[in-house]
Structure formats: C-alpha cells, structure tokens
Amino acid sequence: MTVTQRDPRPHFDYNQTIQAHFEQFHRKHPEVLQHLLGLIKQAQQAGRKRIGIAQLFEVLRWERMIAGLPDQGEAFKLNNNYRSRYARYIMDNYPSTRGMFVTRELKSP
C-alpha cells in the first residue's frame, strides 16, 4: 500500500479571476494588510515617498520565515499575483499612501 502525501498548497480555482482570489485571501488574512501598512508607515517615517510592493512582500515573507512560518500544513502563502492588488487597495483606501506605489494597467481581471 502506497501512502500519498497531502498537497499543502491552497486550492487554486482557475475559473475565478485573480481579483476574486485576492478578495478571498484578503478577507481570510486581514493581518497581511495590517503588516503591509506597518511596513509602509516605517518607510514613510524614514522619509520615503515611494516604495515597491514587491519589496514589502519579501520583507513580510522574511519576517514570517524567521518566526517559523509557514509550516508544511499552513495554507497561508503570499501569492505574487496579489502584489498589484494590495498596492491598489492600499492607495485607494489609505489616503496617506497615495502615490506610494507605481502601478500599471491591469491585464487580467
């Protein structure tokens, strides 16, 4: 009898848009936004007018790794597809961050 290992990656429904996936992730993990806002505040206090969302994602990944996360059973992973969605969400909803990120036209919904 062969034992198969469970795939620890979250299920990805290819019939949904990236935006729909982002919205689900954002609702399930509000701590990601809070952490990103904290990093942005640090950058602003250091006098930064612009910062890259990719840079913030890597800092968040680093801090989670140092804290021992994610473990194998954890479904919380930062999908790079969500970076531009977070940048737009943050600038749209937090006026002090407007212009902080450079964004391009979205090519996929």
N, C-alpha and C. Protein backbone atom coordinates (compact mmCIF):
# COMPACT_ATOMS: atom_id res chain seq x y z
N MET A 1 0.84 -1.17 0.00
CA MET A 1 0.00 0.00 0.00
C MET A 1 0.89 1.25 0.00
N THR A 2 0.61 2.16 -0.91
CA THR A 2 1.39 3.38 -1.03
C THR A 2 0.68 4.50 -0.30
N VAL A 3 1.43 5.23 0.50
CA VAL A 3 0.88 6.38 1.21
C VAL A 3 1.22 7.63 0.40
N THR A 4 0.21 8.43 0.11
CA THR A 4 0.44 9.67 -0.63
C THR A 4 0.42 10.83 0.33
N GLN A 5 1.26 11.79 0.04
CA GLN A 5 1.32 12.98 0.87
C GLN A 5 0.29 13.99 0.40
N ARG A 6 -0.35 14.66 1.33
CA ARG A 6 -1.33 15.69 1.01
C ARG A 6 -0.59 16.92 0.48
N ASP A 7 -1.11 17.51 -0.58
CA ASP A 7 -0.53 18.72 -1.14
C ASP A 7 -0.84 19.89 -0.22
N PRO A 8 0.18 20.53 0.40
CA PRO A 8 -0.08 21.61 1.35
C PRO A 8 -0.47 22.93 0.70
N ARG A 9 -0.36 23.02 -0.62
CA ARG A 9 -0.70 24.28 -1.28
C ARG A 9 -2.20 24.50 -1.29
N PRO A 10 -2.63 25.75 -1.15
CA PRO A 10 -4.07 26.02 -1.20
C PRO A 10 -4.62 25.71 -2.59
N HIS A 11 -5.86 25.31 -2.63
CA HIS A 11 -6.52 25.00 -3.90
C HIS A 11 -6.68 26.28 -4.71
N PHE A 12 -6.37 26.22 -5.98
CA PHE A 12 -6.50 27.37 -6.86
C PHE A 12 -7.54 27.05 -7.91
N ASP A 13 -8.63 27.80 -7.90
CA ASP A 13 -9.72 27.61 -8.86
C ASP A 13 -9.42 28.47 -10.09
N TYR A 14 -9.05 27.82 -11.17
CA TYR A 14 -8.68 28.54 -12.38
C TYR A 14 -9.87 29.18 -13.09
N ASN A 15 -11.07 28.91 -12.61
CA ASN A 15 -12.26 29.53 -13.18
C ASN A 15 -12.54 30.90 -12.55
N GLN A 16 -11.84 31.22 -11.48
CA GLN A 16 -12.02 32.52 -10.82
C GLN A 16 -10.93 33.48 -11.30
N THR A 17 -11.25 34.76 -11.20
CA THR A 17 -10.28 35.78 -11.59
C THR A 17 -9.24 35.97 -10.47
N ILE A 18 -8.14 36.60 -10.83
CA ILE A 18 -7.13 36.94 -9.82
C ILE A 18 -7.77 37.85 -8.77
N GLN A 19 -8.60 38.79 -9.20
CA GLN A 19 -9.26 39.70 -8.26
C GLN A 19 -10.12 38.93 -7.27
N ALA A 20 -10.86 37.94 -7.74
CA ALA A 20 -11.69 37.13 -6.84
C ALA A 20 -10.83 36.37 -5.84
N HIS A 21 -9.73 35.81 -6.31
CA HIS A 21 -8.81 35.11 -5.41
C HIS A 21 -8.23 36.08 -4.38
N PHE A 22 -7.83 37.26 -4.84
CA PHE A 22 -7.29 38.27 -3.93
C PHE A 22 -8.31 38.62 -2.85
N GLU A 23 -9.54 38.89 -3.25
CA GLU A 23 -10.57 39.28 -2.29
C GLU A 23 -10.81 38.19 -1.25
N GLN A 24 -10.80 36.94 -1.68
CA GLN A 24 -10.96 35.82 -0.73
C GLN A 24 -9.79 35.78 0.24
N PHE A 25 -8.58 35.89 -0.29
CA PHE A 25 -7.38 35.85 0.54
C PHE A 25 -7.38 37.02 1.53
N HIS A 26 -7.73 38.20 1.04
CA HIS A 26 -7.74 39.41 1.86
C HIS A 26 -8.74 39.27 3.02
N ARG A 27 -9.91 38.72 2.75
CA ARG A 27 -10.90 38.51 3.81
C ARG A 27 -10.41 37.48 4.83
N LYS A 28 -9.75 36.46 4.34
CA LYS A 28 -9.30 35.37 5.22
C LYS A 28 -8.06 35.76 6.04
N HIS A 29 -7.24 36.67 5.51
CA HIS A 29 -5.96 37.03 6.15
C HIS A 29 -5.81 38.55 6.28
N PRO A 30 -6.65 39.20 7.10
CA PRO A 30 -6.55 40.66 7.25
C PRO A 30 -5.21 41.10 7.86
N GLU A 31 -4.52 40.18 8.50
CA GLU A 31 -3.23 40.51 9.10
C GLU A 31 -2.18 40.89 8.06
N VAL A 32 -2.34 40.41 6.83
CA VAL A 32 -1.39 40.76 5.77
C VAL A 32 -1.46 42.26 5.51
N LEU A 33 -2.67 42.79 5.35
CA LEU A 33 -2.83 44.23 5.12
C LEU A 33 -2.25 45.01 6.29
N GLN A 34 -2.54 44.61 7.50
CA GLN A 34 -2.04 45.33 8.67
C GLN A 34 -0.51 45.34 8.71
N HIS A 35 0.08 44.21 8.36
CA HIS A 35 1.54 44.14 8.34
C HIS A 35 2.10 45.05 7.25
N LEU A 36 1.49 45.02 6.07
CA LEU A 36 1.95 45.88 4.98
C LEU A 36 1.82 47.35 5.37
N LEU A 37 0.72 47.72 6.01
CA LEU A 37 0.54 49.11 6.44
C LEU A 37 1.60 49.51 7.46
N GLY A 38 1.96 48.59 8.33
CA GLY A 38 3.02 48.87 9.30
C GLY A 38 4.36 49.11 8.62
N LEU A 39 4.66 48.31 7.60
CA LEU A 39 5.91 48.50 6.86
C LEU A 39 5.90 49.83 6.10
N ILE A 40 4.74 50.17 5.53
CA ILE A 40 4.62 51.45 4.82
C ILE A 40 4.84 52.61 5.78
N LYS A 41 4.25 52.52 6.96
CA LYS A 41 4.42 53.58 7.96
C LYS A 41 5.90 53.75 8.31
N GLN A 42 6.61 52.65 8.47
CA GLN A 42 8.05 52.73 8.75
C GLN A 42 8.78 53.45 7.62
N ALA A 43 8.43 53.11 6.39
CA ALA A 43 9.07 53.73 5.23
C ALA A 43 8.77 55.23 5.19
N GLN A 44 7.52 55.58 5.48
CA GLN A 44 7.15 57.00 5.48
C GLN A 44 7.88 57.75 6.58
N GLN A 45 8.01 57.15 7.75
CA GLN A 45 8.72 57.80 8.85
C GLN A 45 10.21 57.98 8.53
N ALA A 46 10.72 57.12 7.65
CA ALA A 46 12.11 57.24 7.22
C ALA A 46 12.25 58.22 6.05
N GLY A 47 11.14 58.85 5.66
CA GLY A 47 11.18 59.86 4.61
C GLY A 47 10.95 59.33 3.21
N ARG A 48 10.58 58.09 3.06
CA ARG A 48 10.36 57.52 1.73
C ARG A 48 9.02 57.97 1.17
N LYS A 49 9.04 58.40 -0.07
CA LYS A 49 7.82 58.82 -0.77
C LYS A 49 7.28 57.70 -1.65
N ARG A 50 8.18 56.82 -2.07
CA ARG A 50 7.81 55.68 -2.91
C ARG A 50 8.49 54.43 -2.40
N ILE A 51 7.83 53.32 -2.61
CA ILE A 51 8.39 52.02 -2.22
C ILE A 51 7.77 50.97 -3.12
N GLY A 52 8.44 49.86 -3.29
CA GLY A 52 7.92 48.79 -4.12
C GLY A 52 7.12 47.78 -3.31
N ILE A 53 5.95 47.43 -3.80
CA ILE A 53 5.13 46.44 -3.11
C ILE A 53 5.85 45.08 -3.08
N ALA A 54 6.64 44.79 -4.12
CA ALA A 54 7.38 43.52 -4.14
C ALA A 54 8.38 43.49 -2.97
N GLN A 55 9.01 44.61 -2.71
CA GLN A 55 9.95 44.71 -1.59
C GLN A 55 9.23 44.43 -0.27
N LEU A 56 8.05 44.98 -0.10
CA LEU A 56 7.28 44.76 1.12
C LEU A 56 6.88 43.29 1.27
N PHE A 57 6.49 42.68 0.16
CA PHE A 57 6.14 41.25 0.20
C PHE A 57 7.33 40.42 0.65
N GLU A 58 8.52 40.75 0.15
CA GLU A 58 9.70 39.98 0.55
C GLU A 58 10.05 40.19 2.02
N VAL A 59 9.86 41.40 2.52
CA VAL A 59 10.10 41.65 3.95
C VAL A 59 9.10 40.83 4.78
N LEU A 60 7.85 40.83 4.37
CA LEU A 60 6.83 40.05 5.08
C LEU A 60 7.16 38.56 5.04
N ARG A 61 7.58 38.08 3.88
CA ARG A 61 7.99 36.66 3.79
C ARG A 61 9.16 36.38 4.72
N TRP A 62 10.13 37.27 4.74
CA TRP A 62 11.31 37.10 5.59
C TRP A 62 10.90 37.04 7.06
N GLU A 63 10.09 37.99 7.48
CA GLU A 63 9.68 38.03 8.88
C GLU A 63 8.89 36.79 9.28
N ARG A 64 8.06 36.30 8.37
CA ARG A 64 7.31 35.06 8.65
C ARG A 64 8.27 33.87 8.73
N MET A 65 9.26 33.81 7.86
CA MET A 65 10.21 32.71 7.89
C MET A 65 10.99 32.71 9.20
N ILE A 66 11.45 33.87 9.64
CA ILE A 66 12.20 33.99 10.88
C ILE A 66 11.33 33.55 12.06
N ALA A 67 10.03 33.82 11.97
CA ALA A 67 9.10 33.43 13.03
C ALA A 67 8.73 31.94 12.97
N GLY A 68 9.26 31.22 11.96
CA GLY A 68 8.98 29.79 11.84
C GLY A 68 7.77 29.47 10.98
N LEU A 69 7.33 30.44 10.20
CA LEU A 69 6.17 30.23 9.33
C LEU A 69 6.59 30.33 7.88
N PRO A 70 5.93 29.81 6.93
CA PRO A 70 4.82 28.89 7.11
C PRO A 70 5.33 27.48 7.39
N ASP A 71 4.58 26.75 8.14
CA ASP A 71 4.93 25.35 8.31
C ASP A 71 4.25 24.55 7.20
N GLN A 72 4.53 23.28 7.11
CA GLN A 72 4.04 22.50 5.97
C GLN A 72 2.53 22.46 5.85
N GLY A 73 1.82 22.48 6.95
CA GLY A 73 0.37 22.39 6.90
C GLY A 73 -0.34 23.71 6.73
N GLU A 74 0.41 24.80 6.69
CA GLU A 74 -0.22 26.11 6.62
C GLU A 74 -0.56 26.48 5.18
N ALA A 75 -1.77 26.96 4.99
CA ALA A 75 -2.22 27.33 3.64
C ALA A 75 -1.89 28.78 3.29
N PHE A 76 -1.46 29.57 4.24
CA PHE A 76 -1.20 30.99 4.01
C PHE A 76 0.13 31.16 3.30
N LYS A 77 0.07 31.50 2.06
CA LYS A 77 1.26 31.82 1.27
C LYS A 77 0.97 33.13 0.54
N LEU A 78 1.98 33.94 0.38
CA LEU A 78 1.81 35.21 -0.32
C LEU A 78 2.00 35.00 -1.82
N ASN A 79 0.92 35.06 -2.53
CA ASN A 79 0.93 34.87 -3.97
C ASN A 79 1.36 36.17 -4.64
N ASN A 80 2.36 36.11 -5.49
CA ASN A 80 2.82 37.31 -6.19
C ASN A 80 1.73 37.95 -7.04
N ASN A 81 0.72 37.17 -7.43
CA ASN A 81 -0.39 37.74 -8.19
C ASN A 81 -1.14 38.80 -7.40
N TYR A 82 -1.01 38.79 -6.07
CA TYR A 82 -1.76 39.72 -5.23
C TYR A 82 -1.02 41.04 -4.99
N ARG A 83 0.23 41.12 -5.39
CA ARG A 83 1.02 42.32 -5.09
C ARG A 83 0.36 43.58 -5.64
N SER A 84 0.05 43.58 -6.92
CA SER A 84 -0.53 44.80 -7.50
C SER A 84 -1.91 45.08 -6.93
N ARG A 85 -2.63 44.03 -6.52
CA ARG A 85 -3.96 44.21 -5.92
C ARG A 85 -3.83 44.89 -4.56
N TYR A 86 -2.83 44.46 -3.78
CA TYR A 86 -2.60 45.10 -2.49
C TYR A 86 -2.17 46.55 -2.68
N ALA A 87 -1.28 46.81 -3.63
CA ALA A 87 -0.83 48.19 -3.87
C ALA A 87 -2.02 49.09 -4.20
N ARG A 88 -2.88 48.64 -5.07
CA ARG A 88 -4.05 49.42 -5.45
C ARG A 88 -5.02 49.58 -4.28
N TYR A 89 -5.27 48.49 -3.57
CA TYR A 89 -6.18 48.52 -2.43
C TYR A 89 -5.69 49.53 -1.38
N ILE A 90 -4.42 49.46 -1.08
CA ILE A 90 -3.85 50.34 -0.06
C ILE A 90 -3.95 51.80 -0.50
N MET A 91 -3.56 52.11 -1.73
CA MET A 91 -3.61 53.50 -2.18
C MET A 91 -5.05 54.01 -2.29
N ASP A 92 -5.98 53.13 -2.65
CA ASP A 92 -7.39 53.53 -2.76
C ASP A 92 -8.03 53.78 -1.39
N ASN A 93 -7.59 53.06 -0.37
CA ASN A 93 -8.26 53.10 0.92
C ASN A 93 -7.52 53.84 2.03
N TYR A 94 -6.28 54.18 1.79
CA TYR A 94 -5.47 54.89 2.80
C TYR A 94 -4.83 56.10 2.14
N PRO A 95 -5.48 57.27 2.25
CA PRO A 95 -5.03 58.46 1.53
C PRO A 95 -3.57 58.83 1.73
N SER A 96 -3.02 58.56 2.90
CA SER A 96 -1.61 58.92 3.14
C SER A 96 -0.64 58.10 2.30
N THR A 97 -1.15 57.05 1.65
CA THR A 97 -0.28 56.19 0.83
C THR A 97 -0.42 56.46 -0.66
N ARG A 98 -1.27 57.38 -1.04
CA ARG A 98 -1.48 57.64 -2.47
C ARG A 98 -0.18 58.06 -3.13
N GLY A 99 0.12 57.41 -4.26
CA GLY A 99 1.34 57.70 -4.99
C GLY A 99 2.55 56.94 -4.47
N MET A 100 2.37 56.15 -3.45
CA MET A 100 3.47 55.40 -2.84
C MET A 100 3.99 54.31 -3.78
N PHE A 101 3.08 53.74 -4.57
CA PHE A 101 3.43 52.65 -5.48
C PHE A 101 3.20 53.07 -6.92
N VAL A 102 4.03 52.58 -7.80
CA VAL A 102 3.83 52.77 -9.24
C VAL A 102 3.06 51.54 -9.72
N THR A 103 1.95 51.78 -10.39
CA THR A 103 1.15 50.66 -10.91
C THR A 103 0.99 50.79 -12.41
N ARG A 104 0.77 49.67 -13.02
CA ARG A 104 0.50 49.63 -14.46
C ARG A 104 -0.95 49.21 -14.67
N GLU A 105 -1.39 49.32 -15.90
CA GLU A 105 -2.75 48.88 -16.23
C GLU A 105 -2.85 47.37 -15.98
N LEU A 106 -3.96 46.97 -15.35
CA LEU A 106 -4.17 45.53 -15.12
C LEU A 106 -4.50 44.85 -16.44
N LYS A 107 -3.89 43.71 -16.67
CA LYS A 107 -4.14 42.97 -17.91
C LYS A 107 -5.10 41.81 -17.70
N SER A 108 -5.22 41.35 -16.47
CA SER A 108 -6.16 40.27 -16.19
C SER A 108 -7.06 40.68 -15.05
N PRO A 109 -8.33 40.28 -15.15
CA PRO A 109 -9.32 40.69 -14.14
C PRO A 109 -9.06 40.07 -12.78
